[in-house]
Amino acid sequence: MDNILLDAKEGVLSELKTLKHEDGSLVFVKDDRILDSEILDCDQAKIVKEHALICLELHDVIFWLEELEELTLRISDDETEVTPEVEKIYRKCRAYYTSAVVTYFKFFTRCYGMVVKPKADVLYSASQLETHKELEVIRNQLMAHIDHSKHFSRTLYALRDPLNKFKPSILPSFIRSNHDNPERLKNFIDLVKFLYSHFDAEYEASGKILMHKIFG
């Protein structure tokens, strides 16, 4: 279980051990001491909770993208044969990329009850906004479309063997290349790290406001 604690005395983020009782209730332990706890449900608590959630999910996005970056280094540019091992790497790449794109854009679409929503045109520079908009197009294709685009193509081949003309066959070929542009991938990683830094600062600031309200 992931937890981050804004220490009221030190004013820094630190790790917190969490234990769960059989009834599902949680007990928090720090430095081998059980802490008194209560659930906060005020408006400011909601903001802090959403900032923490966004940081947690952006941390996942950064992990997926850095794993993707590492995987792409294992595929040679002059690779001519798609072996089972290479296809396995491609599948992992697509999984990481799709997860990263879809999760990243969750924060820019308001869900019922959410109060925190970044505005890309306010938050980002011109170059960052361009990257964001490029990713938005890819996100829409990944979420809702399965058609031809510059990132996805489908072709159906008729195959004929010159030595056996009576056994022709057909073969579909699909090319998905969302992740294979190193520059675009680097821009994506930089964008997500920038957003993470923004919400990490927002979490700490909103948490301090809440602690002052609760603890005085």
N, C-alpha and C. Protein backbone atom coordinates (compact mmCIF):
# COMPACT_ATOMS: atom_id res chain seq x y z
N MET A 1 0.85 -1.20 0.00
CA MET A 1 0.00 0.00 0.00
C MET A 1 0.88 1.24 0.00
N ASP A 2 0.54 2.21 -0.83
CA ASP A 2 1.34 3.42 -0.95
C ASP A 2 0.79 4.51 -0.03
N ASN A 3 1.67 5.12 0.74
CA ASN A 3 1.28 6.23 1.60
C ASN A 3 2.38 7.27 1.62
N ILE A 4 2.01 8.53 1.64
CA ILE A 4 2.97 9.60 1.86
C ILE A 4 2.46 10.46 3.00
N LEU A 5 3.37 10.81 3.89
CA LEU A 5 2.99 11.55 5.10
C LEU A 5 3.63 12.92 5.08
N LEU A 6 2.82 13.94 5.24
CA LEU A 6 3.35 15.28 5.40
C LEU A 6 3.56 15.51 6.89
N ASP A 7 4.82 15.43 7.32
CA ASP A 7 5.14 15.50 8.74
C ASP A 7 4.87 16.90 9.28
N ALA A 8 4.01 16.99 10.29
CA ALA A 8 3.61 18.29 10.82
C ALA A 8 4.77 19.03 11.48
N LYS A 9 5.73 18.31 12.01
CA LYS A 9 6.85 18.94 12.70
C LYS A 9 7.97 19.31 11.74
N GLU A 10 8.34 18.38 10.86
CA GLU A 10 9.47 18.57 9.98
C GLU A 10 9.09 19.25 8.65
N GLY A 11 7.80 19.14 8.29
CA GLY A 11 7.34 19.74 7.05
C GLY A 11 7.90 19.07 5.81
N VAL A 12 8.19 17.77 5.89
CA VAL A 12 8.73 17.05 4.74
C VAL A 12 7.94 15.77 4.53
N LEU A 13 8.06 15.21 3.30
CA LEU A 13 7.41 13.95 3.00
C LEU A 13 8.24 12.80 3.56
N SER A 14 7.60 11.85 4.21
CA SER A 14 8.32 10.69 4.72
C SER A 14 7.45 9.46 4.58
N GLU A 15 8.06 8.28 4.66
CA GLU A 15 7.32 7.04 4.49
C GLU A 15 6.57 6.67 5.76
N LEU A 16 5.46 5.99 5.57
CA LEU A 16 4.61 5.59 6.68
C LEU A 16 4.23 4.13 6.49
N LYS A 17 4.43 3.32 7.52
CA LYS A 17 4.04 1.91 7.45
C LYS A 17 2.56 1.79 7.77
N THR A 18 1.85 1.01 6.94
CA THR A 18 0.42 0.85 7.13
C THR A 18 0.08 -0.62 7.36
N LEU A 19 -0.69 -0.89 8.41
CA LEU A 19 -1.14 -2.24 8.72
C LEU A 19 -2.66 -2.28 8.60
N LYS A 20 -3.16 -3.45 8.25
CA LYS A 20 -4.61 -3.59 8.07
C LYS A 20 -5.14 -4.66 9.01
N HIS A 21 -6.22 -4.30 9.76
CA HIS A 21 -6.90 -5.27 10.62
C HIS A 21 -7.80 -6.17 9.78
N GLU A 22 -8.29 -7.25 10.38
CA GLU A 22 -9.16 -8.18 9.68
C GLU A 22 -10.45 -7.51 9.21
N ASP A 23 -10.91 -6.50 9.94
CA ASP A 23 -12.14 -5.81 9.56
C ASP A 23 -11.90 -4.75 8.47
N GLY A 24 -10.66 -4.63 8.01
CA GLY A 24 -10.35 -3.69 6.95
C GLY A 24 -9.88 -2.32 7.42
N SER A 25 -9.98 -2.05 8.71
CA SER A 25 -9.53 -0.76 9.23
C SER A 25 -8.00 -0.70 9.21
N LEU A 26 -7.48 0.52 9.12
CA LEU A 26 -6.04 0.71 9.00
C LEU A 26 -5.42 1.23 10.29
N VAL A 27 -4.19 0.80 10.53
CA VAL A 27 -3.40 1.28 11.65
C VAL A 27 -2.09 1.80 11.06
N PHE A 28 -1.66 2.99 11.51
CA PHE A 28 -0.47 3.62 10.96
C PHE A 28 0.65 3.58 12.00
N VAL A 29 1.82 3.19 11.52
CA VAL A 29 2.98 3.01 12.40
C VAL A 29 4.14 3.83 11.86
N LYS A 30 4.77 4.59 12.75
CA LYS A 30 5.98 5.33 12.39
C LYS A 30 6.99 5.19 13.51
N ASP A 31 8.21 4.75 13.13
CA ASP A 31 9.27 4.54 14.12
C ASP A 31 8.79 3.60 15.23
N ASP A 32 8.07 2.54 14.83
CA ASP A 32 7.56 1.51 15.76
C ASP A 32 6.52 2.04 16.73
N ARG A 33 5.94 3.18 16.46
CA ARG A 33 4.88 3.72 17.31
C ARG A 33 3.57 3.74 16.54
N ILE A 34 2.49 3.29 17.19
CA ILE A 34 1.16 3.35 16.58
C ILE A 34 0.63 4.77 16.74
N LEU A 35 0.23 5.38 15.64
CA LEU A 35 -0.25 6.76 15.67
C LEU A 35 -1.77 6.80 15.82
N ASP A 36 -2.25 7.79 16.56
CA ASP A 36 -3.69 8.04 16.59
C ASP A 36 -4.11 8.55 15.22
N SER A 37 -5.28 8.14 14.75
CA SER A 37 -5.70 8.55 13.42
C SER A 37 -7.20 8.80 13.36
N GLU A 38 -7.59 9.66 12.44
CA GLU A 38 -9.00 9.91 12.16
C GLU A 38 -9.12 10.22 10.66
N ILE A 39 -10.25 9.92 10.10
CA ILE A 39 -10.48 10.18 8.68
C ILE A 39 -10.92 11.63 8.51
N LEU A 40 -10.25 12.35 7.61
CA LEU A 40 -10.58 13.74 7.32
C LEU A 40 -11.46 13.79 6.07
N ASP A 41 -12.54 14.57 6.16
CA ASP A 41 -13.50 14.58 5.06
C ASP A 41 -13.99 15.99 4.74
N CYS A 42 -13.21 17.00 5.09
CA CYS A 42 -13.61 18.37 4.80
C CYS A 42 -13.21 18.73 3.37
N ASP A 43 -13.59 19.93 2.91
CA ASP A 43 -13.28 20.34 1.54
C ASP A 43 -11.78 20.41 1.28
N GLN A 44 -11.03 20.94 2.24
CA GLN A 44 -9.58 21.02 2.06
C GLN A 44 -8.95 19.63 2.02
N ALA A 45 -9.49 18.71 2.80
CA ALA A 45 -8.99 17.34 2.79
C ALA A 45 -9.19 16.71 1.42
N LYS A 46 -10.29 17.04 0.77
CA LYS A 46 -10.57 16.50 -0.55
C LYS A 46 -9.52 16.97 -1.56
N ILE A 47 -9.13 18.22 -1.46
CA ILE A 47 -8.11 18.78 -2.36
C ILE A 47 -6.77 18.08 -2.13
N VAL A 48 -6.39 17.93 -0.86
CA VAL A 48 -5.12 17.26 -0.53
C VAL A 48 -5.13 15.82 -1.05
N LYS A 49 -6.25 15.15 -0.86
CA LYS A 49 -6.38 13.76 -1.28
C LYS A 49 -6.23 13.63 -2.80
N GLU A 50 -6.82 14.57 -3.54
CA GLU A 50 -6.72 14.52 -5.00
C GLU A 50 -5.30 14.83 -5.48
N HIS A 51 -4.64 15.79 -4.81
CA HIS A 51 -3.24 16.08 -5.16
C HIS A 51 -2.37 14.83 -4.94
N ALA A 52 -2.58 14.16 -3.83
CA ALA A 52 -1.81 12.95 -3.52
C ALA A 52 -2.07 11.86 -4.54
N LEU A 53 -3.33 11.69 -4.94
CA LEU A 53 -3.69 10.66 -5.91
C LEU A 53 -3.04 10.93 -7.27
N ILE A 54 -3.06 12.18 -7.70
CA ILE A 54 -2.46 12.54 -8.98
C ILE A 54 -0.96 12.28 -8.94
N CYS A 55 -0.30 12.64 -7.85
CA CYS A 55 1.14 12.37 -7.71
C CYS A 55 1.42 10.88 -7.80
N LEU A 56 0.60 10.09 -7.14
CA LEU A 56 0.79 8.64 -7.13
C LEU A 56 0.68 8.07 -8.53
N GLU A 57 -0.33 8.50 -9.28
CA GLU A 57 -0.54 7.96 -10.62
C GLU A 57 0.50 8.49 -11.61
N LEU A 58 0.91 9.75 -11.45
CA LEU A 58 1.97 10.27 -12.32
C LEU A 58 3.28 9.55 -12.08
N HIS A 59 3.50 9.12 -10.85
CA HIS A 59 4.70 8.34 -10.55
C HIS A 59 4.67 7.03 -11.33
N ASP A 60 3.50 6.43 -11.45
CA ASP A 60 3.35 5.22 -12.28
C ASP A 60 3.65 5.53 -13.74
N VAL A 61 3.14 6.65 -14.23
CA VAL A 61 3.35 7.03 -15.63
C VAL A 61 4.85 7.19 -15.92
N ILE A 62 5.56 7.84 -15.03
CA ILE A 62 7.01 8.01 -15.20
C ILE A 62 7.70 6.66 -15.23
N PHE A 63 7.29 5.76 -14.36
CA PHE A 63 7.88 4.41 -14.34
C PHE A 63 7.65 3.71 -15.67
N TRP A 64 6.41 3.73 -16.17
CA TRP A 64 6.10 3.06 -17.45
C TRP A 64 6.92 3.63 -18.60
N LEU A 65 7.03 4.95 -18.66
CA LEU A 65 7.76 5.59 -19.75
C LEU A 65 9.25 5.30 -19.69
N GLU A 66 9.82 5.28 -18.49
CA GLU A 66 11.24 4.98 -18.36
C GLU A 66 11.52 3.51 -18.67
N GLU A 67 10.59 2.63 -18.30
CA GLU A 67 10.71 1.23 -18.69
C GLU A 67 10.63 1.10 -20.21
N LEU A 68 9.73 1.84 -20.82
CA LEU A 68 9.58 1.84 -22.28
C LEU A 68 10.86 2.32 -22.95
N GLU A 69 11.43 3.39 -22.42
CA GLU A 69 12.66 3.95 -22.97
C GLU A 69 13.78 2.91 -22.93
N GLU A 70 13.84 2.17 -21.84
CA GLU A 70 14.87 1.14 -21.70
C GLU A 70 14.63 -0.02 -22.66
N LEU A 71 13.37 -0.39 -22.84
CA LEU A 71 13.04 -1.50 -23.74
C LEU A 71 13.40 -1.18 -25.19
N THR A 72 13.15 0.06 -25.60
CA THR A 72 13.40 0.43 -26.99
C THR A 72 14.89 0.35 -27.32
N LEU A 73 15.75 0.48 -26.32
CA LEU A 73 17.19 0.36 -26.56
C LEU A 73 17.60 -1.07 -26.89
N ARG A 74 16.73 -2.01 -26.57
CA ARG A 74 17.03 -3.42 -26.83
C ARG A 74 16.63 -3.85 -28.24
N ILE A 75 16.00 -2.93 -28.99
CA ILE A 75 15.60 -3.23 -30.36
C ILE A 75 16.50 -2.47 -31.32
N SER A 76 17.21 -3.18 -32.16
CA SER A 76 18.13 -2.56 -33.11
C SER A 76 17.36 -1.86 -34.22
N ASP A 77 17.89 -0.70 -34.67
CA ASP A 77 17.25 0.04 -35.76
C ASP A 77 17.27 -0.73 -37.07
N ASP A 78 18.27 -1.60 -37.24
CA ASP A 78 18.36 -2.36 -38.49
C ASP A 78 17.79 -3.77 -38.35
N GLU A 79 16.93 -3.96 -37.36
CA GLU A 79 16.27 -5.24 -37.14
C GLU A 79 15.39 -5.57 -38.35
N THR A 80 15.63 -6.70 -38.98
CA THR A 80 14.86 -7.07 -40.17
C THR A 80 13.85 -8.18 -39.89
N GLU A 81 14.13 -9.00 -38.90
CA GLU A 81 13.24 -10.12 -38.59
C GLU A 81 12.57 -9.89 -37.24
N VAL A 82 11.24 -10.02 -37.24
CA VAL A 82 10.49 -9.89 -35.99
C VAL A 82 10.39 -11.27 -35.36
N THR A 83 11.33 -11.56 -34.47
CA THR A 83 11.35 -12.84 -33.77
C THR A 83 10.35 -12.82 -32.63
N PRO A 84 10.02 -13.99 -32.07
CA PRO A 84 9.12 -14.01 -30.90
C PRO A 84 9.62 -13.14 -29.76
N GLU A 85 10.93 -13.08 -29.55
CA GLU A 85 11.49 -12.26 -28.48
C GLU A 85 11.30 -10.78 -28.76
N VAL A 86 11.51 -10.39 -30.03
CA VAL A 86 11.31 -8.99 -30.42
C VAL A 86 9.84 -8.61 -30.30
N GLU A 87 8.94 -9.50 -30.73
CA GLU A 87 7.51 -9.22 -30.63
C GLU A 87 7.09 -9.09 -29.17
N LYS A 88 7.71 -9.86 -28.28
CA LYS A 88 7.41 -9.76 -26.85
C LYS A 88 7.79 -8.37 -26.33
N ILE A 89 8.92 -7.85 -26.79
CA ILE A 89 9.35 -6.51 -26.39
C ILE A 89 8.37 -5.47 -26.94
N TYR A 90 7.95 -5.64 -28.22
CA TYR A 90 6.99 -4.72 -28.81
C TYR A 90 5.69 -4.67 -28.00
N ARG A 91 5.22 -5.84 -27.57
CA ARG A 91 3.97 -5.90 -26.80
C ARG A 91 4.11 -5.18 -25.46
N LYS A 92 5.25 -5.35 -24.81
CA LYS A 92 5.48 -4.63 -23.55
C LYS A 92 5.53 -3.12 -23.80
N CYS A 93 6.18 -2.74 -24.90
CA CYS A 93 6.26 -1.33 -25.24
C CYS A 93 4.87 -0.74 -25.44
N ARG A 94 4.03 -1.44 -26.19
CA ARG A 94 2.67 -0.94 -26.44
C ARG A 94 1.87 -0.86 -25.15
N ALA A 95 2.06 -1.85 -24.27
CA ALA A 95 1.33 -1.84 -23.00
C ALA A 95 1.75 -0.67 -22.13
N TYR A 96 3.05 -0.43 -22.02
CA TYR A 96 3.55 0.69 -21.23
C TYR A 96 3.08 2.02 -21.81
N TYR A 97 3.16 2.13 -23.13
CA TYR A 97 2.81 3.40 -23.77
C TYR A 97 1.32 3.70 -23.62
N THR A 98 0.48 2.71 -23.88
CA THR A 98 -0.96 2.90 -23.75
C THR A 98 -1.34 3.27 -22.32
N SER A 99 -0.78 2.55 -21.35
CA SER A 99 -1.06 2.84 -19.94
C SER A 99 -0.65 4.26 -19.58
N ALA A 100 0.52 4.68 -20.07
CA ALA A 100 1.03 6.01 -19.75
C ALA A 100 0.16 7.10 -20.35
N VAL A 101 -0.19 6.96 -21.63
CA VAL A 101 -0.99 7.99 -22.31
C VAL A 101 -2.37 8.12 -21.68
N VAL A 102 -3.03 7.00 -21.47
CA VAL A 102 -4.40 7.01 -20.94
C VAL A 102 -4.42 7.56 -19.51
N THR A 103 -3.46 7.14 -18.68
CA THR A 103 -3.42 7.60 -17.29
C THR A 103 -3.10 9.09 -17.22
N TYR A 104 -2.15 9.54 -18.03
CA TYR A 104 -1.76 10.96 -18.05
C TYR A 104 -2.96 11.85 -18.34
N PHE A 105 -3.80 11.45 -19.29
CA PHE A 105 -4.91 12.31 -19.68
C PHE A 105 -6.11 12.26 -18.74
N LYS A 106 -6.11 11.33 -17.78
CA LYS A 106 -7.21 11.29 -16.83
C LYS A 106 -7.30 12.59 -16.04
N PHE A 107 -6.16 13.26 -15.84
CA PHE A 107 -6.15 14.45 -14.99
C PHE A 107 -6.64 15.69 -15.73
N PHE A 108 -6.81 15.58 -17.04
CA PHE A 108 -7.27 16.72 -17.83
C PHE A 108 -8.73 16.58 -18.25
N THR A 109 -9.40 15.55 -17.77
CA THR A 109 -10.83 15.37 -18.01
C THR A 109 -11.51 15.28 -16.66
N ARG A 110 -12.43 16.17 -16.41
CA ARG A 110 -13.07 16.24 -15.08
C ARG A 110 -14.01 15.07 -14.86
N CYS A 111 -13.78 14.36 -13.77
CA CYS A 111 -14.67 13.29 -13.36
C CYS A 111 -15.67 13.82 -12.33
N TYR A 112 -16.76 13.11 -12.17
CA TYR A 112 -17.77 13.52 -11.20
C TYR A 112 -17.15 13.57 -9.81
N GLY A 113 -17.28 14.70 -9.16
CA GLY A 113 -16.80 14.84 -7.79
C GLY A 113 -15.38 15.33 -7.66
N MET A 114 -14.60 15.34 -8.74
CA MET A 114 -13.21 15.80 -8.67
C MET A 114 -13.18 17.33 -8.67
N VAL A 115 -12.32 17.90 -7.84
CA VAL A 115 -12.22 19.36 -7.76
C VAL A 115 -10.91 19.88 -8.35
N VAL A 116 -9.92 19.00 -8.48
CA VAL A 116 -8.61 19.41 -9.01
C VAL A 116 -8.53 19.01 -10.48
N LYS A 117 -8.29 19.99 -11.34
CA LYS A 117 -8.15 19.71 -12.76
C LYS A 117 -7.18 20.71 -13.37
N PRO A 118 -6.02 20.25 -13.86
CA PRO A 118 -5.06 21.17 -14.47
C PRO A 118 -5.56 21.66 -15.82
N LYS A 119 -5.16 22.87 -16.19
CA LYS A 119 -5.47 23.42 -17.50
C LYS A 119 -4.17 23.52 -18.28
N ALA A 120 -4.06 22.71 -19.33
CA ALA A 120 -2.80 22.61 -20.06
C ALA A 120 -2.36 23.95 -20.64
N ASP A 121 -3.32 24.75 -21.15
CA ASP A 121 -2.94 26.01 -21.79
C ASP A 121 -2.46 27.05 -20.78
N VAL A 122 -2.73 26.83 -19.50
CA VAL A 122 -2.25 27.73 -18.45
C VAL A 122 -0.95 27.19 -17.84
N LEU A 123 -0.88 25.90 -17.70
CA LEU A 123 0.22 25.26 -16.99
C LEU A 123 1.48 25.13 -17.84
N TYR A 124 1.32 24.88 -19.13
CA TYR A 124 2.45 24.52 -19.97
C TYR A 124 2.99 25.68 -20.81
N SER A 125 4.26 25.56 -21.19
CA SER A 125 4.86 26.48 -22.16
C SER A 125 4.36 26.11 -23.56
N ALA A 126 4.72 26.90 -24.56
CA ALA A 126 4.26 26.64 -25.93
C ALA A 126 4.73 25.27 -26.43
N SER A 127 5.99 24.94 -26.18
CA SER A 127 6.52 23.64 -26.64
C SER A 127 5.89 22.48 -25.88
N GLN A 128 5.67 22.67 -24.58
CA GLN A 128 5.01 21.62 -23.79
C GLN A 128 3.58 21.41 -24.24
N LEU A 129 2.90 22.51 -24.57
CA LEU A 129 1.52 22.42 -25.01
C LEU A 129 1.44 21.69 -26.35
N GLU A 130 2.42 21.90 -27.21
CA GLU A 130 2.45 21.20 -28.49
C GLU A 130 2.58 19.69 -28.28
N THR A 131 3.46 19.29 -27.36
CA THR A 131 3.60 17.87 -27.02
C THR A 131 2.31 17.32 -26.45
N HIS A 132 1.67 18.08 -25.56
CA HIS A 132 0.40 17.68 -24.95
C HIS A 132 -0.67 17.43 -26.01
N LYS A 133 -0.76 18.32 -26.99
CA LYS A 133 -1.79 18.19 -28.02
C LYS A 133 -1.51 17.01 -28.95
N GLU A 134 -0.23 16.76 -29.23
CA GLU A 134 0.12 15.58 -30.02
C GLU A 134 -0.29 14.31 -29.30
N LEU A 135 -0.04 14.28 -28.00
CA LEU A 135 -0.41 13.11 -27.19
C LEU A 135 -1.93 12.96 -27.09
N GLU A 136 -2.64 14.07 -27.10
CA GLU A 136 -4.10 14.02 -27.02
C GLU A 136 -4.68 13.31 -28.24
N VAL A 137 -4.11 13.57 -29.41
CA VAL A 137 -4.56 12.90 -30.63
C VAL A 137 -4.31 11.39 -30.51
N ILE A 138 -3.12 11.03 -30.03
CA ILE A 138 -2.79 9.61 -29.85
C ILE A 138 -3.70 8.97 -28.82
N ARG A 139 -3.98 9.70 -27.74
CA ARG A 139 -4.87 9.18 -26.70
C ARG A 139 -6.24 8.87 -27.25
N ASN A 140 -6.78 9.77 -28.08
CA ASN A 140 -8.11 9.55 -28.66
C ASN A 140 -8.11 8.33 -29.57
N GLN A 141 -7.02 8.13 -30.30
CA GLN A 141 -6.92 6.97 -31.16
C GLN A 141 -6.81 5.68 -30.35
N LEU A 142 -6.04 5.72 -29.29
CA LEU A 142 -5.90 4.54 -28.45
C LEU A 142 -7.19 4.18 -27.73
N MET A 143 -7.95 5.19 -27.31
CA MET A 143 -9.17 4.98 -26.53
C MET A 143 -10.37 4.63 -27.38
N ALA A 144 -10.48 5.26 -28.57
CA ALA A 144 -11.77 5.20 -29.26
C ALA A 144 -11.70 4.78 -30.72
N HIS A 145 -10.51 4.66 -31.29
CA HIS A 145 -10.44 4.38 -32.71
C HIS A 145 -9.53 3.19 -33.00
N ILE A 146 -9.83 2.52 -34.11
CA ILE A 146 -8.99 1.43 -34.57
C ILE A 146 -8.86 1.55 -36.08
N ASP A 147 -8.57 2.78 -36.51
CA ASP A 147 -8.49 3.05 -37.93
C ASP A 147 -7.07 3.39 -38.34
N HIS A 148 -6.89 3.80 -39.59
CA HIS A 148 -5.57 4.11 -40.12
C HIS A 148 -5.14 5.50 -39.66
N SER A 149 -3.91 5.61 -39.22
CA SER A 149 -3.34 6.89 -38.84
C SER A 149 -1.84 6.82 -39.04
N LYS A 150 -1.14 7.91 -38.77
CA LYS A 150 0.31 7.88 -38.93
C LYS A 150 0.97 7.01 -37.87
N HIS A 151 0.22 6.64 -36.82
CA HIS A 151 0.76 5.79 -35.77
C HIS A 151 0.29 4.34 -35.88
N PHE A 152 -0.65 4.11 -36.79
CA PHE A 152 -1.19 2.75 -36.91
C PHE A 152 -1.63 2.51 -38.35
N SER A 153 -1.19 1.42 -38.92
CA SER A 153 -1.61 1.09 -40.28
C SER A 153 -1.91 -0.40 -40.37
N ARG A 154 -2.78 -0.76 -41.28
CA ARG A 154 -3.11 -2.16 -41.49
C ARG A 154 -3.09 -2.44 -42.99
N THR A 155 -2.50 -3.56 -43.34
CA THR A 155 -2.36 -3.96 -44.75
C THR A 155 -2.64 -5.45 -44.86
N LEU A 156 -3.33 -5.84 -45.92
CA LEU A 156 -3.61 -7.25 -46.16
C LEU A 156 -2.88 -7.69 -47.42
N TYR A 157 -2.02 -8.69 -47.30
CA TYR A 157 -1.21 -9.17 -48.41
C TYR A 157 -1.75 -10.49 -48.96
N ALA A 158 -1.68 -10.64 -50.27
CA ALA A 158 -1.92 -11.92 -50.92
C ALA A 158 -0.56 -12.54 -51.20
N LEU A 159 -0.32 -13.75 -50.71
CA LEU A 159 0.97 -14.42 -50.85
C LEU A 159 0.86 -15.60 -51.80
N ARG A 160 1.79 -15.65 -52.74
CA ARG A 160 1.82 -16.76 -53.71
C ARG A 160 3.22 -17.37 -53.72
N ASP A 161 3.26 -18.67 -53.60
CA ASP A 161 4.53 -19.39 -53.65
C ASP A 161 4.81 -19.80 -55.08
N PRO A 162 5.90 -19.30 -55.67
CA PRO A 162 6.20 -19.65 -57.08
C PRO A 162 6.33 -21.15 -57.32
N LEU A 163 6.71 -21.88 -56.28
CA LEU A 163 6.89 -23.32 -56.45
C LEU A 163 5.62 -24.12 -56.15
N ASN A 164 4.61 -23.45 -55.61
CA ASN A 164 3.36 -24.14 -55.31
C ASN A 164 2.20 -23.17 -55.52
N LYS A 165 1.82 -22.95 -56.76
CA LYS A 165 0.80 -21.95 -57.11
C LYS A 165 -0.59 -22.32 -56.61
N PHE A 166 -0.80 -23.57 -56.25
CA PHE A 166 -2.14 -23.99 -55.84
C PHE A 166 -2.38 -23.82 -54.33
N LYS A 167 -1.41 -23.26 -53.63
CA LYS A 167 -1.58 -23.01 -52.20
C LYS A 167 -1.26 -21.56 -51.85
N PRO A 168 -2.09 -20.64 -52.34
CA PRO A 168 -1.91 -19.22 -51.97
C PRO A 168 -2.43 -18.97 -50.55
N SER A 169 -2.11 -17.83 -50.01
CA SER A 169 -2.60 -17.48 -48.67
C SER A 169 -2.71 -15.96 -48.56
N ILE A 170 -3.35 -15.52 -47.51
CA ILE A 170 -3.45 -14.09 -47.23
C ILE A 170 -2.88 -13.83 -45.84
N LEU A 171 -2.30 -12.63 -45.67
CA LEU A 171 -1.65 -12.30 -44.41
C LEU A 171 -1.93 -10.85 -44.04
N PRO A 172 -2.59 -10.60 -42.89
CA PRO A 172 -2.75 -9.22 -42.42
C PRO A 172 -1.49 -8.75 -41.72
N SER A 173 -1.12 -7.51 -41.95
CA SER A 173 0.05 -6.92 -41.30
C SER A 173 -0.36 -5.62 -40.62
N PHE A 174 -0.03 -5.50 -39.36
CA PHE A 174 -0.38 -4.31 -38.60
C PHE A 174 0.90 -3.66 -38.08
N ILE A 175 1.01 -2.36 -38.25
CA ILE A 175 2.17 -1.62 -37.75
C ILE A 175 1.70 -0.57 -36.77
N ARG A 176 2.14 -0.69 -35.52
CA ARG A 176 1.82 0.28 -34.48
C ARG A 176 3.12 0.87 -33.97
N SER A 177 3.28 2.15 -34.14
CA SER A 177 4.58 2.75 -33.86
C SER A 177 4.49 3.97 -32.93
N ASN A 178 3.53 3.96 -32.03
CA ASN A 178 3.36 5.10 -31.12
C ASN A 178 4.62 5.40 -30.32
N HIS A 179 5.34 4.37 -29.95
CA HIS A 179 6.41 4.53 -28.97
C HIS A 179 7.80 4.62 -29.59
N ASP A 180 7.92 4.53 -30.93
CA ASP A 180 9.26 4.30 -31.48
C ASP A 180 10.01 5.57 -31.86
N ASN A 181 9.49 6.73 -31.50
CA ASN A 181 10.17 7.99 -31.78
C ASN A 181 10.87 8.47 -30.50
N PRO A 182 12.20 8.35 -30.44
CA PRO A 182 12.92 8.69 -29.20
C PRO A 182 12.69 10.14 -28.76
N GLU A 183 12.63 11.06 -29.71
CA GLU A 183 12.44 12.47 -29.35
C GLU A 183 11.06 12.70 -28.74
N ARG A 184 10.02 12.10 -29.35
CA ARG A 184 8.68 12.25 -28.82
C ARG A 184 8.56 11.61 -27.44
N LEU A 185 9.21 10.47 -27.27
CA LEU A 185 9.18 9.79 -25.98
C LEU A 185 9.87 10.63 -24.90
N LYS A 186 11.02 11.21 -25.24
CA LYS A 186 11.72 12.08 -24.29
C LYS A 186 10.87 13.29 -23.91
N ASN A 187 10.20 13.89 -24.90
CA ASN A 187 9.33 15.04 -24.63
C ASN A 187 8.18 14.64 -23.70
N PHE A 188 7.65 13.45 -23.89
CA PHE A 188 6.57 12.94 -23.05
C PHE A 188 7.06 12.78 -21.61
N ILE A 189 8.23 12.17 -21.45
CA ILE A 189 8.78 11.97 -20.11
C ILE A 189 9.02 13.30 -19.42
N ASP A 190 9.61 14.25 -20.13
CA ASP A 190 9.86 15.58 -19.55
C ASP A 190 8.56 16.26 -19.15
N LEU A 191 7.53 16.10 -19.97
CA LEU A 191 6.23 16.71 -19.69
C LEU A 191 5.62 16.13 -18.41
N VAL A 192 5.66 14.82 -18.27
CA VAL A 192 5.07 14.16 -17.10
C VAL A 192 5.86 14.52 -15.84
N LYS A 193 7.18 14.58 -15.94
CA LYS A 193 7.99 14.96 -14.77
C LYS A 193 7.69 16.39 -14.34
N PHE A 194 7.47 17.26 -15.33
CA PHE A 194 7.10 18.64 -15.01
C PHE A 194 5.75 18.67 -14.28
N LEU A 195 4.78 17.90 -14.78
CA LEU A 195 3.46 17.87 -14.15
C LEU A 195 3.54 17.27 -12.75
N TYR A 196 4.37 16.23 -12.60
CA TYR A 196 4.55 15.63 -11.28
C TYR A 196 5.12 16.65 -10.29
N SER A 197 6.13 17.40 -10.71
CA SER A 197 6.72 18.42 -9.84
C SER A 197 5.69 19.46 -9.43
N HIS A 198 4.84 19.83 -10.38
CA HIS A 198 3.79 20.81 -10.10
C HIS A 198 2.84 20.29 -9.01
N PHE A 199 2.36 19.07 -9.17
CA PHE A 199 1.38 18.55 -8.21
C PHE A 199 2.04 18.11 -6.90
N ASP A 200 3.31 17.77 -6.94
CA ASP A 200 4.02 17.49 -5.70
C ASP A 200 4.08 18.75 -4.84
N ALA A 201 4.36 19.88 -5.49
CA ALA A 201 4.37 21.16 -4.76
C ALA A 201 2.97 21.54 -4.29
N GLU A 202 1.95 21.28 -5.14
CA GLU A 202 0.57 21.56 -4.76
C GLU A 202 0.14 20.70 -3.58
N TYR A 203 0.56 19.45 -3.58
CA TYR A 203 0.22 18.55 -2.47
C TYR A 203 0.81 19.06 -1.16
N GLU A 204 2.08 19.44 -1.21
CA GLU A 204 2.72 19.91 0.01
C GLU A 204 2.08 21.20 0.52
N ALA A 205 1.77 22.12 -0.41
CA ALA A 205 1.16 23.40 -0.01
C ALA A 205 -0.24 23.19 0.55
N SER A 206 -1.06 22.40 -0.14
CA SER A 206 -2.43 22.16 0.33
C SER A 206 -2.43 21.36 1.62
N GLY A 207 -1.44 20.47 1.78
CA GLY A 207 -1.34 19.69 3.02
C GLY A 207 -1.01 20.55 4.22
N LYS A 208 -0.14 21.54 4.01
CA LYS A 208 0.21 22.43 5.11
C LYS A 208 -0.98 23.28 5.55
N ILE A 209 -1.79 23.69 4.57
CA ILE A 209 -3.02 24.44 4.89
C ILE A 209 -3.95 23.58 5.73
N LEU A 210 -4.09 22.32 5.33
CA LEU A 210 -4.97 21.41 6.06
C LEU A 210 -4.44 21.14 7.46
N MET A 211 -3.16 20.93 7.59
CA MET A 211 -2.59 20.66 8.92
C MET A 211 -2.78 21.86 9.84
N HIS A 212 -2.62 23.06 9.30
CA HIS A 212 -2.83 24.26 10.13
C HIS A 212 -4.29 24.32 10.58
N LYS A 213 -5.19 23.92 9.69
CA LYS A 213 -6.62 23.95 10.04
C LYS A 213 -6.96 22.90 11.09
N ILE A 214 -6.33 21.71 10.99
CA ILE A 214 -6.64 20.61 11.91
C ILE A 214 -5.87 20.72 13.22
N PHE A 215 -4.57 21.03 13.11
CA PHE A 215 -3.72 21.01 14.30
C PHE A 215 -3.42 22.37 14.88
N GLY A 216 -3.72 23.43 14.11
CA GLY A 216 -3.49 24.77 14.61
C GLY A 216 -2.05 25.22 14.44
